[in-house]
Structure formats: structure tokens, C-alpha cells
Amino acid sequence: MERLGTGIGWRPEIADAVERMPGIDWVEVVAENTCPGHLPESLRRLRERGVTVVPHGVSLGLGGADRPDESRLTALAERAEALGAPLVTEHIAFVRAGGLLTASPRLEAGHLLPVPRTRDALDVLCENVRIAQAALPVPLAVENIAALIAWPDEEMTEGQFLYELADRTGVRLLIDVANLHTNHVNRGEDPAEALADLPLEAIAYVHVAGGFERDGVWHDSHAHPVPRPVLDILTDLASRVSPPGVLLERDENFPEPAELEGELAAIRGAVEKGREQGAAPGTQAARTTRLASMPDTAPARQRLALAQAALLSALVAGTPVPEGFDRVRLGVQARALAGKRADVVAKVAPELPVILGTGYRAAFLGYAHGHPMTGGYRRDALDFAGYVLGAGVVRDERALAELREWWLERSGSRPRSHRPGVRLARATRRVLLRR
């Protein structure tokens, strides 16, 4: 595996700071947020300097019951080629459920949700990973995720599940030590046991990130400093194997560059401490991957589809909680999903919180409670605006007029601003609204 070194998640908000940071060997970008034909100038400059760029996907849903969508795989492949990436990464998660396999409405989670560690889920995941590997021009690595909830009647530990996955497919692993900490707090899983079970030589690189604890629940926010327990897990991992790369993730609430550089220094220190405690780099014994033949996954897909649809429906549509799940914890997850939807829609459509002011969040949470997301976030923003216009939850006539104009501008197959006379009408309305 190529040695990556120390890296940081590239985000537009910190692009200039990342370019100036000393000791940055590589960066990771959210694949869905990049366009192969229009790469940001910052990424172009980094690549010209020899900095490796790795696309990190969030929407494939490899752990879902359906086979990977061909268009999403094609898009991920295009980004890998445009960036000259040595590999691409995705998550061991499901992000949507329902549809043809369940004869129920298609639902989107807008978030990474855990797959059950069962034989059914493993068989489906292995086949999905094989499909993705065949469609991508570079190797694939998959990431363990953080979870607030646990599936009942699981058959394997996380380490055993990941070992089987790598053993059967040859896929590489992206190990997120912050997610191991999250699952320790939320699900009582021992990070050391997970590391002991892992095929360490399959590790492509490591994620490190911060979060916060509230009411006994750890939230993997990517918006807070990396805590000491996460660094300790990194040290434990580095004492077992020399990770090819380690990357700091930060998605929002960005601090000053000096603080980020301090976190990177702490990460380097944790890795070095682990190396001093453990074996010399490169002493891990090689393992032969057992590329097993795939079983018929149709029955497993059907069972998994029904289970995932029932869980996601409970989380986003208020249907009954499936048997065996913790109702309180499911409620925490449901509120977290709704809050994330509100935050992402505010970024995708920043005009909405401006128009609605302090009432935006309450209005959105009221909308989310009875309106599951069935498309992407842009569709969600339009649906939310339509809900507000029709539900009578906002009384401010000026806000409603602006919102109606915003909605009309973006709804329909042809943007309203492209139709004759609309620009003049819009300008006239704005004058009248200011009076």
C-alpha cells in the first residue's frame, strides 16, 4: 500500500489554510462535492505540488440491500481519474431503504446508518463491494462508521465483521478511530478488542476526528477538537501496525489554522508514541486474502431490505420502532437525523434561513417530523418551502412573499427566471416589498 503520510480533509472553508499548512502530505475530498471538469483552483495547486488527493464517497450505500447504483459508481470513478487518486473510499453503511425490494416508498436517511453484523448483511455487503471494485479504476477502501444505535441479535463483533469482509473481497479498510471511540461510548464496544480482530495489513489509512458527549451519548460531530481517548486509540493502533496514512477530519465550526496545526501535531505524536510502544514498522505478517465465491444473495437482500426499511421508516417517518431496538436511543438518532437535515438544507439553500430568520429551524423540524426525505437535499429544500407556504406555520407576510418568490424561481422543469417578463416582475415585487 502506498505511504500517504499525514493529511487533512480538504474543505472550501479552509482551502487557503490547508495550502499554507506545513507537513501536509495528502488531502481527502468529499467525492460528491467535486466536479471532475471544474476542480477548485486550490485542489489544482495542491496536485501540482505533488499533494495526493483522495475522493471520499458518502452516498453509495454499500451496506444497503440494493446493488450499488451504476451512475453513482461511474461518478466516483470519474472523480478518481480526474484527481489522479491512488484509491477511493466509501462507508460500510446504508443511506436509503424501501423501493422495489419492499414494495414501499423509497426513503433517504441523509446520513450513514449502521448495517447489522449478521451473515445476511455480510453476504450482501461483500457482493456490493465486489461490484464496486469491478467498476472503479483504482482500489477501494471502506470505512467503519459511528453509530448511536445497535441492531438486535447481531452475530459478529465489529472486528470479526471487518475481517470477514476483507478476507472475502480483498477490499482495503479505512479505520476511523473516532468511530471506534463513538461505538465504545454508545454501544459499549471495546476499541482494543476491535483492533485485535482487524486484518491490520489491510488498512489503507486512518481517520481521526472530534465530537462531543451529551446525556451519555457521544456525537461524532467532526466539529470539535480531537479528544484524548481518540488519540489513545490511535496510539494503540500504531503500536500494532504502521498505518500508511492518518488524516484529520473537520467538517464545520472550523478553528484558526494554528489550532488545526496543533491537532495535526498531536496526531503525529500519538502515532509516534504507538510506534515506540509496538513493533517496528513493516513487521506485520502478510495475509493471503481468501476470495471466496459469492452465495446467492437474493433471499438475504430481501430480508435485509425489509429490516432496513422498517428501521429507517421508524427514524424518519414516525412508524413503530422495530422489535429489539432501544426506543430511547432510536429517538436520539431520529432527532439527530432531523437536525442534520435542517443544517444541510440551510447550506444547500442558504436563502431559506435568511428568509425565515429565527423561525427556520423550528419550521424545518416540524416539516421533517412528517415528511421523510425521498430525494436529495435540493429536493428537500423545495419540498420544505412548499410545506411552509401551505401549512400556515409562518405568519410573517413579507417572509411568505419572499419564500414564495424563492420557491417559484426554483420549482418546475424550467427556472422561472428564464421565462419572458419574469426578471421585470421580480424586480417590481422587490421594490414593493421594501415599502
Protein backbone atom coordinates (compact mmCIF):
# COMPACT_ATOMS: atom_id res chain seq x y z
CA MET A 1 0.00 0.00 0.00
CA GLU A 2 1.24 3.47 -0.91
CA ARG A 3 2.51 5.52 2.03
CA LEU A 4 0.30 8.59 2.34
CA GLY A 5 1.67 10.27 5.45
CA THR A 6 -0.23 12.94 7.37
CA GLY A 7 -3.26 14.57 5.82
CA ILE A 8 -6.33 16.69 6.40
CA GLY A 9 -9.82 16.76 4.98
CA TRP A 10 -9.96 19.48 2.32
CA ARG A 11 -12.99 21.75 2.65
CA PRO A 12 -13.64 25.04 0.80
CA GLU A 13 -13.82 26.94 4.10
CA ILE A 14 -10.21 26.07 4.98
CA ALA A 15 -8.76 25.72 1.48
CA ASP A 16 -6.32 28.62 1.84
CA ALA A 17 -5.19 27.45 5.26
CA VAL A 18 -4.61 23.90 4.02
CA GLU A 19 -2.42 25.17 1.18
CA ARG A 20 -0.22 27.03 3.67
CA MET A 21 -0.01 24.28 6.32
CA PRO A 22 3.41 22.71 6.72
CA GLY A 23 3.75 18.93 6.64
CA ILE A 24 0.54 18.15 4.70
CA ASP A 25 1.30 15.12 2.54
CA TRP A 26 -2.21 14.49 1.22
CA VAL A 27 -5.83 15.62 1.41
CA GLU A 28 -9.20 13.93 1.18
CA VAL A 29 -12.22 15.48 -0.55
CA VAL A 30 -15.90 14.57 -0.38
CA ALA A 31 -16.42 12.96 -3.78
CA GLU A 32 -19.98 14.21 -4.21
CA ASN A 33 -18.85 17.80 -3.65
CA THR A 34 -16.35 17.83 -6.52
CA CYS A 35 -16.93 18.18 -10.25
CA PRO A 36 -14.31 16.47 -12.46
CA GLY A 37 -14.40 19.21 -15.08
CA HIS A 38 -14.33 22.11 -12.63
CA LEU A 39 -11.92 21.28 -9.83
CA PRO A 40 -11.33 24.11 -7.33
CA GLU A 41 -8.15 26.03 -8.02
CA SER A 42 -6.89 25.15 -4.55
CA LEU A 43 -7.05 21.43 -5.34
CA ARG A 44 -5.34 22.04 -8.67
CA ARG A 45 -2.47 23.85 -6.95
CA LEU A 46 -2.12 21.11 -4.33
CA ARG A 47 -1.95 18.45 -7.02
CA GLU A 48 0.66 20.44 -8.95
CA ARG A 49 2.76 20.49 -5.77
CA GLY A 50 2.57 16.70 -5.60
CA VAL A 51 -0.01 16.51 -2.81
CA THR A 52 -2.12 13.34 -3.17
CA VAL A 53 -5.90 13.87 -3.32
CA VAL A 54 -8.25 11.02 -2.35
CA PRO A 55 -12.02 11.16 -3.10
CA HIS A 56 -14.18 10.01 -0.20
CA GLY A 57 -17.73 8.97 -1.13
CA VAL A 58 -20.76 9.27 1.14
CA SER A 59 -23.74 8.23 -0.98
CA LEU A 60 -23.13 4.74 -2.43
CA GLY A 61 -24.76 2.91 0.46
CA LEU A 62 -22.68 -0.25 0.04
CA GLY A 63 -24.31 -1.74 3.13
CA GLY A 64 -27.82 -1.32 1.70
CA ALA A 65 -29.96 -4.15 0.37
CA ASP A 66 -29.83 -2.90 -3.24
CA ARG A 67 -26.89 -3.36 -5.57
CA PRO A 68 -24.78 -0.20 -5.99
CA ASP A 69 -26.22 2.33 -8.40
CA GLU A 70 -24.27 2.32 -11.67
CA SER A 71 -24.45 6.10 -12.11
CA ARG A 72 -23.03 6.71 -8.66
CA LEU A 73 -20.20 4.26 -9.33
CA THR A 74 -19.47 5.97 -12.65
CA ALA A 75 -19.37 9.36 -10.92
CA LEU A 76 -16.98 8.07 -8.27
CA ALA A 77 -14.73 6.56 -10.94
CA GLU A 78 -14.67 9.85 -12.86
CA ARG A 79 -13.57 11.73 -9.75
CA ALA A 80 -10.81 9.23 -9.03
CA GLU A 81 -9.45 9.68 -12.56
CA ALA A 82 -9.82 13.48 -12.53
CA LEU A 83 -7.89 13.71 -9.26
CA GLY A 84 -5.25 11.14 -10.17
CA ALA A 85 -6.13 9.36 -6.93
CA PRO A 86 -4.33 6.16 -5.83
CA LEU A 87 -7.58 4.85 -4.29
CA VAL A 88 -11.15 5.83 -3.43
CA THR A 89 -13.03 5.30 -0.19
CA GLU A 90 -16.61 4.78 0.93
CA HIS A 91 -18.52 3.67 4.03
CA ILE A 92 -19.87 0.43 5.42
CA ALA A 93 -23.35 1.84 5.84
CA PHE A 94 -26.80 2.11 4.35
CA VAL A 95 -28.20 5.50 3.42
CA ARG A 96 -31.57 4.65 1.83
CA ALA A 97 -34.16 1.91 2.06
CA GLY A 98 -37.51 0.85 0.65
CA GLY A 99 -38.33 0.68 -3.02
CA LEU A 100 -38.84 -2.37 -5.21
CA LEU A 101 -37.49 -4.97 -2.78
CA THR A 102 -40.06 -3.97 -0.18
CA ALA A 103 -42.86 -2.54 -2.35
CA SER A 104 -42.73 0.57 -0.15
CA PRO A 105 -41.78 4.22 -0.69
CA ARG A 106 -38.09 4.93 -1.21
CA LEU A 107 -36.65 6.75 1.81
CA GLU A 108 -33.36 8.63 2.17
CA ALA A 109 -31.62 8.83 5.53
CA GLY A 110 -29.39 11.79 4.70
CA HIS A 111 -26.89 10.09 7.00
CA LEU A 112 -24.74 6.98 7.33
CA LEU A 113 -26.61 4.26 9.22
CA PRO A 114 -25.11 1.02 10.57
CA VAL A 115 -25.65 -2.35 8.93
CA PRO A 116 -26.46 -5.32 11.17
CA ARG A 117 -23.43 -7.53 11.78
CA THR A 118 -25.18 -10.63 10.51
CA ARG A 119 -24.43 -13.22 7.86
CA ASP A 120 -27.17 -11.84 5.63
CA ALA A 121 -25.76 -8.31 5.79
CA LEU A 122 -22.20 -9.56 5.29
CA ASP A 123 -23.13 -11.59 2.19
CA VAL A 124 -24.89 -8.59 0.65
CA LEU A 125 -22.08 -6.19 1.56
CA CYS A 126 -19.43 -8.48 0.09
CA GLU A 127 -21.28 -8.71 -3.22
CA ASN A 128 -21.83 -4.94 -3.30
CA VAL A 129 -18.15 -4.33 -2.62
CA ARG A 130 -17.18 -6.73 -5.44
CA ILE A 131 -19.49 -4.83 -7.82
CA ALA A 132 -17.92 -1.51 -6.79
CA GLN A 133 -14.38 -2.87 -7.12
CA ALA A 134 -15.09 -4.02 -10.67
CA ALA A 135 -16.43 -0.58 -11.64
CA LEU A 136 -13.62 1.54 -10.17
CA PRO A 137 -10.28 2.26 -11.84
CA VAL A 138 -8.34 2.21 -8.54
CA PRO A 139 -8.52 0.16 -5.32
CA LEU A 140 -11.44 0.70 -2.93
CA ALA A 141 -11.21 1.09 0.83
CA VAL A 142 -14.26 1.05 3.10
CA GLU A 143 -14.75 2.80 6.44
CA ASN A 144 -16.27 1.66 9.71
CA ILE A 145 -18.92 4.13 10.85
CA ALA A 146 -20.06 5.61 14.15
CA ALA A 147 -23.49 4.62 15.44
CA LEU A 148 -25.97 5.78 18.07
CA ILE A 149 -28.00 2.60 17.77
CA ALA A 150 -27.27 -1.12 17.76
CA TRP A 151 -29.10 -3.83 15.85
CA PRO A 152 -30.55 -6.64 17.94
CA ASP A 153 -29.32 -10.24 17.53
CA GLU A 154 -26.01 -9.41 15.87
CA GLU A 155 -23.82 -12.41 15.08
CA MET A 156 -20.35 -10.84 14.96
CA THR A 157 -18.28 -8.15 16.60
CA GLU A 158 -17.15 -5.20 14.51
CA GLY A 159 -13.63 -6.58 14.22
CA GLN A 160 -14.87 -10.01 13.12
CA PHE A 161 -17.25 -8.43 10.59
CA LEU A 162 -14.47 -6.31 9.06
CA TYR A 163 -12.06 -9.25 8.99
CA GLU A 164 -14.57 -11.41 7.11
CA LEU A 165 -15.28 -8.57 4.67
CA ALA A 166 -11.59 -8.01 3.86
CA ASP A 167 -10.93 -11.74 3.74
CA ARG A 168 -13.71 -12.46 1.25
CA THR A 169 -13.27 -9.45 -1.05
CA GLY A 170 -9.71 -8.21 -0.69
CA VAL A 171 -11.08 -4.72 -0.02
CA ARG A 172 -8.88 -2.35 1.96
CA LEU A 173 -10.01 -0.77 5.19
CA LEU A 174 -10.26 2.86 6.24
CA ILE A 175 -10.30 2.67 10.02
CA ASP A 176 -11.84 5.64 11.81
CA VAL A 177 -10.53 5.59 15.38
CA ALA A 178 -13.02 8.33 16.36
CA ASN A 179 -15.81 5.98 15.30
CA LEU A 180 -14.33 3.21 17.46
CA HIS A 181 -14.50 5.65 20.38
CA THR A 182 -18.08 6.58 19.49
CA ASN A 183 -19.14 2.95 19.47
CA HIS A 184 -17.35 2.41 22.77
CA VAL A 185 -19.39 5.15 24.46
CA ASN A 186 -22.70 4.45 22.71
CA ARG A 187 -22.63 0.69 22.37
CA GLY A 188 -20.14 -0.50 24.98
CA GLU A 189 -17.75 -1.96 22.39
CA ASP A 190 -14.08 -2.21 23.38
CA PRO A 191 -11.83 -0.46 20.81
CA ALA A 192 -8.87 -2.66 21.77
CA GLU A 193 -10.87 -5.80 21.01
CA ALA A 194 -11.93 -4.39 17.63
CA LEU A 195 -8.30 -3.60 16.77
CA ALA A 196 -7.19 -7.05 17.88
CA ASP A 197 -9.66 -8.68 15.46
CA LEU A 198 -8.82 -6.50 12.46
CA PRO A 199 -6.70 -7.59 9.49
CA LEU A 200 -4.28 -4.76 10.18
CA GLU A 201 -2.30 -5.24 6.98
CA ALA A 202 -5.47 -4.38 5.02
CA ILE A 203 -5.58 -0.85 6.45
CA ALA A 204 -5.31 1.82 3.73
CA TYR A 205 -5.37 4.75 6.14
CA VAL A 206 -6.89 6.10 9.35
CA HIS A 207 -9.40 8.85 10.15
CA VAL A 208 -9.20 10.96 13.29
CA ALA A 209 -11.95 13.39 14.32
CA GLY A 210 -13.60 15.11 17.26
CA GLY A 211 -17.06 15.04 18.77
CA PHE A 212 -18.91 15.71 21.99
CA GLU A 213 -20.86 13.84 24.66
CA ARG A 214 -24.36 14.80 25.74
CA ASP A 215 -26.53 12.83 28.18
CA GLY A 216 -24.31 9.78 27.90
CA VAL A 217 -24.36 9.75 24.08
CA TRP A 218 -21.28 10.53 22.02
CA HIS A 219 -21.97 12.55 18.87
CA ASP A 220 -19.40 12.19 16.10
CA SER A 221 -19.68 15.83 15.06
CA HIS A 222 -16.44 16.47 13.13
CA ALA A 223 -16.83 19.99 14.55
CA HIS A 224 -14.88 19.72 17.81
CA PRO A 225 -11.25 19.12 18.83
CA VAL A 226 -9.95 15.56 18.82
CA PRO A 227 -10.27 14.26 22.41
CA ARG A 228 -7.59 12.35 24.27
CA PRO A 229 -9.43 8.98 24.18
CA VAL A 230 -9.43 9.07 20.36
CA LEU A 231 -5.70 9.83 20.30
CA ASP A 232 -5.15 6.92 22.70
CA ILE A 233 -6.94 4.54 20.30
CA LEU A 234 -4.73 5.87 17.50
CA THR A 235 -1.68 5.14 19.63
CA ASP A 236 -2.95 1.60 20.27
CA LEU A 237 -3.44 1.05 16.54
CA ALA A 238 0.01 2.45 15.72
CA SER A 239 1.55 0.09 18.28
CA ARG A 240 0.14 -2.84 16.29
CA VAL A 241 0.87 -1.68 12.73
CA SER A 242 2.36 1.35 11.00
CA PRO A 243 -0.66 2.99 9.30
CA PRO A 244 0.08 4.08 5.71
CA GLY A 245 -1.73 7.36 6.31
CA VAL A 246 -3.52 9.30 9.03
CA LEU A 247 -5.99 12.09 8.30
CA LEU A 248 -7.70 14.75 10.41
CA GLU A 249 -11.38 15.29 9.57
CA ARG A 250 -13.11 18.60 10.28
CA ASP A 251 -16.39 19.44 8.55
CA GLU A 252 -17.61 22.60 10.28
CA ASN A 253 -17.00 25.04 13.13
CA PHE A 254 -13.52 25.50 11.72
CA PRO A 255 -10.93 26.91 14.16
CA GLU A 256 -7.96 29.09 13.37
CA PRO A 257 -5.24 27.39 11.28
CA ALA A 258 -2.91 27.29 14.28
CA GLU A 259 -5.39 25.12 16.17
CA LEU A 260 -5.70 22.70 13.27
CA GLU A 261 -1.92 22.53 13.03
CA GLY A 262 -1.83 21.77 16.75
CA GLU A 263 -4.24 18.88 16.26
CA LEU A 264 -2.14 17.53 13.42
CA ALA A 265 0.92 17.70 15.67
CA ALA A 266 -0.96 15.78 18.38
CA ILE A 267 -1.93 13.14 15.80
CA ARG A 268 1.69 12.76 14.70
CA GLY A 269 2.70 12.47 18.35
CA ALA A 270 0.12 9.76 19.02
CA VAL A 271 1.35 7.73 16.04
CA GLU A 272 4.99 8.11 17.09
CA LYS A 273 4.12 7.04 20.64
CA GLY A 274 2.47 3.93 19.29
CA ARG A 275 5.47 3.09 17.14
CA GLU A 276 7.73 3.35 20.18
CA GLN A 277 5.45 1.03 22.15
CA GLY A 278 5.00 -1.59 19.44
CA ALA A 279 6.84 -3.50 16.77
CA ALA A 280 8.99 -1.84 14.14
CA PRO A 281 7.17 -0.65 11.02
CA GLY A 282 6.70 -3.31 8.41
CA THR A 283 6.86 -6.31 10.76
CA GLN A 284 3.18 -7.21 10.28
CA ALA A 285 2.93 -10.64 8.67
CA ALA A 286 1.38 -10.72 5.23
CA ARG A 287 -2.01 -12.39 4.93
CA THR A 288 -3.40 -14.17 1.92
CA THR A 289 -6.87 -12.97 1.02
CA ARG A 290 -9.45 -15.71 0.52
CA LEU A 291 -11.52 -14.50 -2.41
CA ALA A 292 -14.50 -16.73 -1.73
CA SER A 293 -17.20 -17.40 -4.29
CA MET A 294 -20.34 -15.39 -3.66
CA PRO A 295 -23.51 -17.13 -2.48
CA ASP A 296 -26.93 -16.39 -3.96
CA THR A 297 -27.77 -13.15 -2.17
CA ALA A 298 -31.36 -12.72 -3.36
CA PRO A 299 -33.00 -14.13 -0.17
CA ALA A 300 -30.56 -12.22 2.04
CA ARG A 301 -31.23 -8.99 0.12
CA GLN A 302 -34.96 -9.42 0.63
CA ARG A 303 -34.62 -9.97 4.39
CA LEU A 304 -32.13 -7.12 4.76
CA ALA A 305 -34.32 -4.78 2.71
CA LEU A 306 -37.33 -5.35 4.96
CA ALA A 307 -35.27 -4.86 8.13
CA GLN A 308 -33.57 -1.68 6.92
CA ALA A 309 -36.82 -0.19 5.59
CA ALA A 310 -38.54 -0.78 8.92
CA LEU A 311 -35.70 0.87 10.84
CA LEU A 312 -35.38 3.87 8.52
CA SER A 313 -39.14 4.38 8.46
CA ALA A 314 -39.17 4.47 12.27
CA LEU A 315 -36.36 7.03 12.23
CA VAL A 316 -37.70 9.42 9.60
CA ALA A 317 -41.42 8.70 9.21
CA GLY A 318 -42.54 8.01 12.78
CA THR A 319 -43.65 4.42 12.20
CA PRO A 320 -43.43 1.93 15.11
CA VAL A 321 -39.98 1.03 16.41
CA PRO A 322 -38.95 -2.44 15.20
CA GLU A 323 -38.73 -5.11 17.87
CA GLY A 324 -35.45 -5.31 19.76
CA PHE A 325 -34.30 -1.72 19.28
CA ASP A 326 -33.77 0.72 22.14
CA ARG A 327 -36.66 3.20 21.83
CA VAL A 328 -34.88 5.98 23.70
CA ARG A 329 -31.73 5.65 21.62
CA LEU A 330 -33.78 5.49 18.44
CA GLY A 331 -35.42 8.76 19.47
CA VAL A 332 -32.00 10.35 19.90
CA GLN A 333 -30.99 9.14 16.44
CA ALA A 334 -34.23 10.40 14.88
CA ARG A 335 -33.72 13.88 16.33
CA ALA A 336 -30.11 13.86 15.17
CA LEU A 337 -31.19 12.97 11.63
CA ALA A 338 -33.77 15.76 11.56
CA GLY A 339 -31.23 18.24 12.91
CA LYS A 340 -28.69 17.25 10.31
CA ARG A 341 -31.29 17.64 7.56
CA ALA A 342 -32.02 21.15 8.79
CA ASP A 343 -28.31 22.02 8.82
CA VAL A 344 -27.57 20.61 5.36
CA VAL A 345 -30.64 22.21 3.76
CA ALA A 346 -29.51 25.52 5.26
CA LYS A 347 -26.18 25.08 3.45
CA VAL A 348 -27.71 23.88 0.18
CA ALA A 349 -30.31 26.67 0.20
CA PRO A 350 -28.83 29.44 2.40
CA GLU A 351 -31.64 31.80 1.41
CA LEU A 352 -34.16 29.81 3.48
CA PRO A 353 -32.78 30.62 6.96
CA VAL A 354 -32.30 34.21 5.84
CA ILE A 355 -35.93 34.50 4.71
CA LEU A 356 -37.38 32.69 7.73
CA GLY A 357 -34.94 34.04 10.30
CA THR A 358 -35.03 32.52 13.78
CA GLY A 359 -38.12 30.52 12.86
CA TYR A 360 -36.28 28.45 10.25
CA ARG A 361 -35.15 25.60 12.46
CA ALA A 362 -38.43 25.08 14.29
CA ALA A 363 -40.32 25.16 10.99
CA PHE A 364 -37.95 22.66 9.42
CA LEU A 365 -38.10 20.23 12.35
CA GLY A 366 -41.89 20.40 12.20
CA TYR A 367 -41.73 19.62 8.49
CA ALA A 368 -39.20 16.79 8.92
CA HIS A 369 -41.36 15.04 11.53
CA GLY A 370 -43.97 14.09 8.95
CA HIS A 371 -42.10 14.40 5.66
CA PRO A 372 -39.31 11.84 5.10
CA MET A 373 -36.63 12.74 2.59
CA THR A 374 -37.24 10.84 -0.65
CA GLY A 375 -34.75 12.64 -2.90
CA GLY A 376 -31.61 14.70 -2.41
CA TYR A 377 -31.18 17.77 -0.23
CA ARG A 378 -32.07 20.21 -3.02
CA ARG A 379 -35.39 18.45 -3.50
CA ASP A 380 -35.80 18.52 0.29
CA ALA A 381 -35.29 22.29 0.33
CA LEU A 382 -38.01 22.77 -2.31
CA ASP A 383 -40.40 20.42 -0.50
CA PHE A 384 -39.80 22.27 2.78
CA ALA A 385 -40.52 25.63 1.17
CA GLY A 386 -43.74 24.25 -0.31
CA TYR A 387 -44.72 22.89 3.10
CA VAL A 388 -44.19 26.25 4.79
CA LEU A 389 -46.21 28.05 2.12
CA GLY A 390 -49.14 25.68 2.55
CA ALA A 391 -49.09 24.79 6.24
CA GLY A 392 -49.63 28.20 7.83
CA VAL A 393 -46.69 27.76 10.21
CA VAL A 394 -45.25 31.18 9.29
CA ARG A 395 -47.35 34.32 9.82
CA ASP A 396 -44.95 36.97 8.54
CA GLU A 397 -46.45 38.10 5.21
CA ARG A 398 -43.21 39.59 3.96
CA ALA A 399 -41.30 36.37 4.69
CA LEU A 400 -44.01 34.35 2.96
CA ALA A 401 -43.87 36.58 -0.11
CA GLU A 402 -40.09 36.22 -0.35
CA LEU A 403 -40.35 32.47 0.21
CA ARG A 404 -42.99 32.15 -2.50
CA GLU A 405 -40.76 34.01 -4.93
CA TRP A 406 -37.82 31.75 -4.00
CA TRP A 407 -39.92 28.62 -4.48
CA LEU A 408 -41.37 29.75 -7.83
CA GLU A 409 -37.90 30.61 -9.07
CA ARG A 410 -36.63 27.06 -8.46
CA SER A 411 -39.62 24.79 -8.97
CA GLY A 412 -40.62 23.29 -12.28
CA SER A 413 -38.55 21.93 -15.14
CA ARG A 414 -37.53 25.39 -16.34
CA PRO A 415 -36.22 28.01 -13.93
CA ARG A 416 -38.73 30.80 -13.67
CA SER A 417 -36.08 33.47 -14.18
CA HIS A 418 -35.57 32.18 -17.74
CA ARG A 419 -39.17 32.89 -18.75
CA PRO A 420 -40.12 36.14 -20.55
CA GLY A 421 -41.04 39.02 -18.28
CA VAL A 422 -40.07 37.30 -15.06
CA ARG A 423 -36.97 39.40 -14.35
CA LEU A 424 -39.03 42.63 -14.56
CA ALA A 425 -41.78 41.14 -12.37
CA ARG A 426 -39.26 40.03 -9.76
CA ALA A 427 -37.66 43.46 -9.63
CA THR A 428 -41.08 45.10 -9.26
CA ARG A 429 -42.04 42.79 -6.40
CA ARG A 430 -38.81 43.51 -4.57
CA VAL A 431 -39.49 47.26 -4.76
CA LEU A 432 -42.99 46.77 -3.41
CA LEU A 433 -41.80 44.50 -0.60
CA ARG A 434 -39.35 47.14 0.61
CA ARG A 435 -42.10 49.73 1.08
